[in-house]
Amino acid sequence: MSGRGRSIADLGLAVVALVAAVWCWSRAVTTSEYAPIAEGAPAFTATHYSGPWIAAASAAVIVAGLAVLDAWRRR
């Protein structure tokens, strides 16, 4: 594959990796609504962060960054 074709493939990989990172991050954060336990008490919203999904999103961002660097190096 030529240098230009490889650069285009690297940029395509970067876009796919960024889309995967956004998808993984959207799976990583969930919220739960809880009703008040006692009369007059406020409602409670809990946020849960899932470590494996956050790690996958981070890895996808790293892959995208490396692909962009490789494309830039081959230009």
N, C-alpha and C. Protein backbone atom coordinates (compact mmCIF):
# COMPACT_ATOMS: atom_id res chain seq x y z
N MET A 1 0.85 -1.17 0.00
CA MET A 1 0.00 0.00 0.00
C MET A 1 0.90 1.23 0.00
N SER A 2 0.54 2.22 -0.79
CA SER A 2 1.35 3.43 -0.88
C SER A 2 1.24 4.25 0.39
N GLY A 3 2.14 5.21 0.54
CA GLY A 3 2.15 6.07 1.72
C GLY A 3 0.86 6.85 1.88
N ARG A 4 0.33 7.35 0.76
CA ARG A 4 -0.90 8.14 0.82
C ARG A 4 -2.09 7.25 1.16
N GLY A 5 -2.15 6.07 0.56
CA GLY A 5 -3.24 5.15 0.86
C GLY A 5 -3.21 4.69 2.31
N ARG A 6 -2.00 4.50 2.82
CA ARG A 6 -1.86 4.09 4.23
C ARG A 6 -2.29 5.21 5.16
N SER A 7 -1.98 6.46 4.78
CA SER A 7 -2.40 7.60 5.60
C SER A 7 -3.91 7.71 5.66
N ILE A 8 -4.56 7.48 4.54
CA ILE A 8 -6.02 7.54 4.50
C ILE A 8 -6.61 6.41 5.35
N ALA A 9 -6.00 5.24 5.28
CA ALA A 9 -6.46 4.11 6.10
C ALA A 9 -6.28 4.42 7.59
N ASP A 10 -5.16 5.06 7.94
CA ASP A 10 -4.92 5.44 9.33
C ASP A 10 -5.96 6.45 9.82
N LEU A 11 -6.29 7.40 8.98
CA LEU A 11 -7.31 8.39 9.37
C LEU A 11 -8.68 7.75 9.51
N GLY A 12 -8.97 6.78 8.63
CA GLY A 12 -10.23 6.04 8.77
C GLY A 12 -10.26 5.25 10.07
N LEU A 13 -9.14 4.64 10.42
CA LEU A 13 -9.04 3.92 11.69
C LEU A 13 -9.25 4.87 12.87
N ALA A 14 -8.70 6.07 12.77
CA ALA A 14 -8.86 7.05 13.84
C ALA A 14 -10.33 7.43 14.03
N VAL A 15 -11.04 7.63 12.94
CA VAL A 15 -12.46 7.97 13.04
C VAL A 15 -13.25 6.83 13.67
N VAL A 16 -12.99 5.61 13.22
CA VAL A 16 -13.69 4.44 13.78
C VAL A 16 -13.37 4.30 15.27
N ALA A 17 -12.12 4.51 15.64
CA ALA A 17 -11.73 4.39 17.04
C ALA A 17 -12.40 5.47 17.89
N LEU A 18 -12.53 6.68 17.37
CA LEU A 18 -13.21 7.74 18.12
C LEU A 18 -14.70 7.44 18.28
N VAL A 19 -15.32 6.91 17.24
CA VAL A 19 -16.73 6.51 17.36
C VAL A 19 -16.87 5.41 18.41
N ALA A 20 -15.95 4.46 18.39
CA ALA A 20 -15.98 3.39 19.40
C ALA A 20 -15.77 3.95 20.80
N ALA A 21 -14.92 4.96 20.94
CA ALA A 21 -14.68 5.56 22.25
C ALA A 21 -15.94 6.24 22.78
N VAL A 22 -16.64 6.96 21.92
CA VAL A 22 -17.88 7.61 22.34
C VAL A 22 -18.92 6.56 22.72
N TRP A 23 -19.01 5.50 21.94
CA TRP A 23 -19.97 4.43 22.24
C TRP A 23 -19.65 3.77 23.57
N CYS A 24 -18.37 3.47 23.81
CA CYS A 24 -17.97 2.85 25.08
C CYS A 24 -18.23 3.78 26.26
N TRP A 25 -17.94 5.06 26.09
CA TRP A 25 -18.15 6.01 27.19
C TRP A 25 -19.63 6.13 27.51
N SER A 26 -20.48 6.09 26.49
CA SER A 26 -21.92 6.19 26.76
C SER A 26 -22.42 4.98 27.53
N ARG A 27 -21.75 3.84 27.39
CA ARG A 27 -22.10 2.64 28.16
C ARG A 27 -21.49 2.68 29.56
N ALA A 28 -20.48 3.51 29.77
CA ALA A 28 -19.74 3.52 31.02
C ALA A 28 -20.46 4.27 32.15
N VAL A 29 -21.32 5.20 31.81
CA VAL A 29 -21.96 6.04 32.82
C VAL A 29 -23.46 5.75 32.83
N THR A 30 -23.95 5.32 33.98
CA THR A 30 -25.39 5.09 34.14
C THR A 30 -25.86 5.82 35.40
N THR A 31 -27.10 6.27 35.36
CA THR A 31 -27.68 6.93 36.52
C THR A 31 -28.94 6.19 36.96
N SER A 32 -29.19 6.26 38.25
CA SER A 32 -30.38 5.64 38.82
C SER A 32 -31.09 6.66 39.68
N GLU A 33 -32.39 6.74 39.52
CA GLU A 33 -33.21 7.66 40.32
C GLU A 33 -33.84 6.89 41.47
N TYR A 34 -33.75 7.45 42.67
CA TYR A 34 -34.36 6.83 43.84
C TYR A 34 -35.36 7.80 44.45
N ALA A 35 -36.51 7.27 44.79
CA ALA A 35 -37.55 8.08 45.42
C ALA A 35 -37.18 8.37 46.87
N PRO A 36 -37.77 9.40 47.44
CA PRO A 36 -37.50 9.69 48.85
C PRO A 36 -37.94 8.53 49.74
N ILE A 37 -37.16 8.26 50.76
CA ILE A 37 -37.49 7.17 51.70
C ILE A 37 -38.53 7.64 52.71
N ALA A 38 -38.34 8.85 53.19
CA ALA A 38 -39.26 9.39 54.20
C ALA A 38 -40.00 10.60 53.62
N GLU A 39 -41.09 10.92 54.21
CA GLU A 39 -41.89 12.08 53.80
C GLU A 39 -41.05 13.35 53.97
N GLY A 40 -40.97 14.15 52.91
CA GLY A 40 -40.23 15.41 52.97
C GLY A 40 -38.74 15.27 52.66
N ALA A 41 -38.26 14.06 52.52
CA ALA A 41 -36.84 13.86 52.19
C ALA A 41 -36.64 14.06 50.69
N PRO A 42 -35.47 14.50 50.30
CA PRO A 42 -35.23 14.71 48.87
C PRO A 42 -35.03 13.40 48.12
N ALA A 43 -35.30 13.44 46.84
CA ALA A 43 -35.00 12.29 45.98
C ALA A 43 -33.49 12.19 45.80
N PHE A 44 -33.04 11.04 45.35
CA PHE A 44 -31.60 10.81 45.21
C PHE A 44 -31.30 10.25 43.83
N THR A 45 -30.28 10.80 43.19
CA THR A 45 -29.81 10.31 41.90
C THR A 45 -28.40 9.77 42.08
N ALA A 46 -28.20 8.52 41.74
CA ALA A 46 -26.87 7.89 41.85
C ALA A 46 -26.27 7.73 40.45
N THR A 47 -24.98 7.97 40.36
CA THR A 47 -24.25 7.80 39.10
C THR A 47 -23.26 6.66 39.29
N HIS A 48 -23.29 5.70 38.38
CA HIS A 48 -22.41 4.54 38.43
C HIS A 48 -21.46 4.59 37.23
N TYR A 49 -20.18 4.49 37.50
CA TYR A 49 -19.16 4.47 36.46
C TYR A 49 -18.61 3.05 36.35
N SER A 50 -18.63 2.50 35.16
CA SER A 50 -18.15 1.14 34.93
C SER A 50 -16.70 1.19 34.43
N GLY A 51 -15.79 0.66 35.24
CA GLY A 51 -14.37 0.71 34.92
C GLY A 51 -13.98 0.07 33.59
N PRO A 52 -14.48 -1.13 33.29
CA PRO A 52 -14.09 -1.75 32.02
C PRO A 52 -14.51 -0.93 30.79
N TRP A 53 -15.67 -0.30 30.84
CA TRP A 53 -16.11 0.52 29.70
C TRP A 53 -15.26 1.78 29.59
N ILE A 54 -14.90 2.37 30.72
CA ILE A 54 -14.05 3.56 30.70
C ILE A 54 -12.67 3.19 30.16
N ALA A 55 -12.15 2.03 30.57
CA ALA A 55 -10.85 1.57 30.06
C ALA A 55 -10.91 1.33 28.56
N ALA A 56 -12.00 0.75 28.08
CA ALA A 56 -12.14 0.52 26.64
C ALA A 56 -12.21 1.84 25.88
N ALA A 57 -12.92 2.82 26.43
CA ALA A 57 -12.99 4.14 25.79
C ALA A 57 -11.61 4.79 25.76
N SER A 58 -10.87 4.67 26.84
CA SER A 58 -9.52 5.24 26.89
C SER A 58 -8.60 4.56 25.88
N ALA A 59 -8.69 3.25 25.79
CA ALA A 59 -7.87 2.51 24.83
C ALA A 59 -8.21 2.93 23.39
N ALA A 60 -9.50 3.14 23.12
CA ALA A 60 -9.91 3.55 21.77
C ALA A 60 -9.37 4.94 21.44
N VAL A 61 -9.35 5.84 22.42
CA VAL A 61 -8.79 7.18 22.19
C VAL A 61 -7.29 7.08 21.93
N ILE A 62 -6.60 6.21 22.66
CA ILE A 62 -5.17 6.03 22.44
C ILE A 62 -4.91 5.48 21.04
N VAL A 63 -5.70 4.51 20.61
CA VAL A 63 -5.55 3.95 19.26
C VAL A 63 -5.78 5.04 18.21
N ALA A 64 -6.81 5.87 18.41
CA ALA A 64 -7.08 6.95 17.47
C ALA A 64 -5.91 7.93 17.41
N GLY A 65 -5.37 8.27 18.56
CA GLY A 65 -4.23 9.18 18.58
C GLY A 65 -3.02 8.61 17.88
N LEU A 66 -2.73 7.33 18.11
CA LEU A 66 -1.60 6.71 17.44
C LEU A 66 -1.81 6.62 15.93
N ALA A 67 -3.05 6.38 15.50
CA ALA A 67 -3.34 6.33 14.06
C ALA A 67 -3.14 7.69 13.42
N VAL A 68 -3.55 8.75 14.11
CA VAL A 68 -3.35 10.11 13.57
C VAL A 68 -1.86 10.42 13.51
N LEU A 69 -1.11 10.07 14.54
CA LEU A 69 0.33 10.30 14.51
C LEU A 69 1.00 9.54 13.37
N ASP A 70 0.57 8.31 13.14
CA ASP A 70 1.14 7.53 12.06
C ASP A 70 0.79 8.13 10.70
N ALA A 71 -0.46 8.59 10.56
CA ALA A 71 -0.84 9.23 9.30
C ALA A 71 -0.04 10.50 9.07
N TRP A 72 0.17 11.27 10.13
CA TRP A 72 0.94 12.51 10.00
C TRP A 72 2.40 12.22 9.65
N ARG A 73 2.94 11.17 10.24
CA ARG A 73 4.33 10.81 9.96
C ARG A 73 4.51 10.35 8.52
N ARG A 74 3.50 9.71 7.93
CA ARG A 74 3.61 9.18 6.57
C ARG A 74 3.26 10.20 5.49
N ARG A 75 2.82 11.36 5.85
CA ARG A 75 2.38 12.33 4.83
C ARG A 75 3.49 12.81 3.95
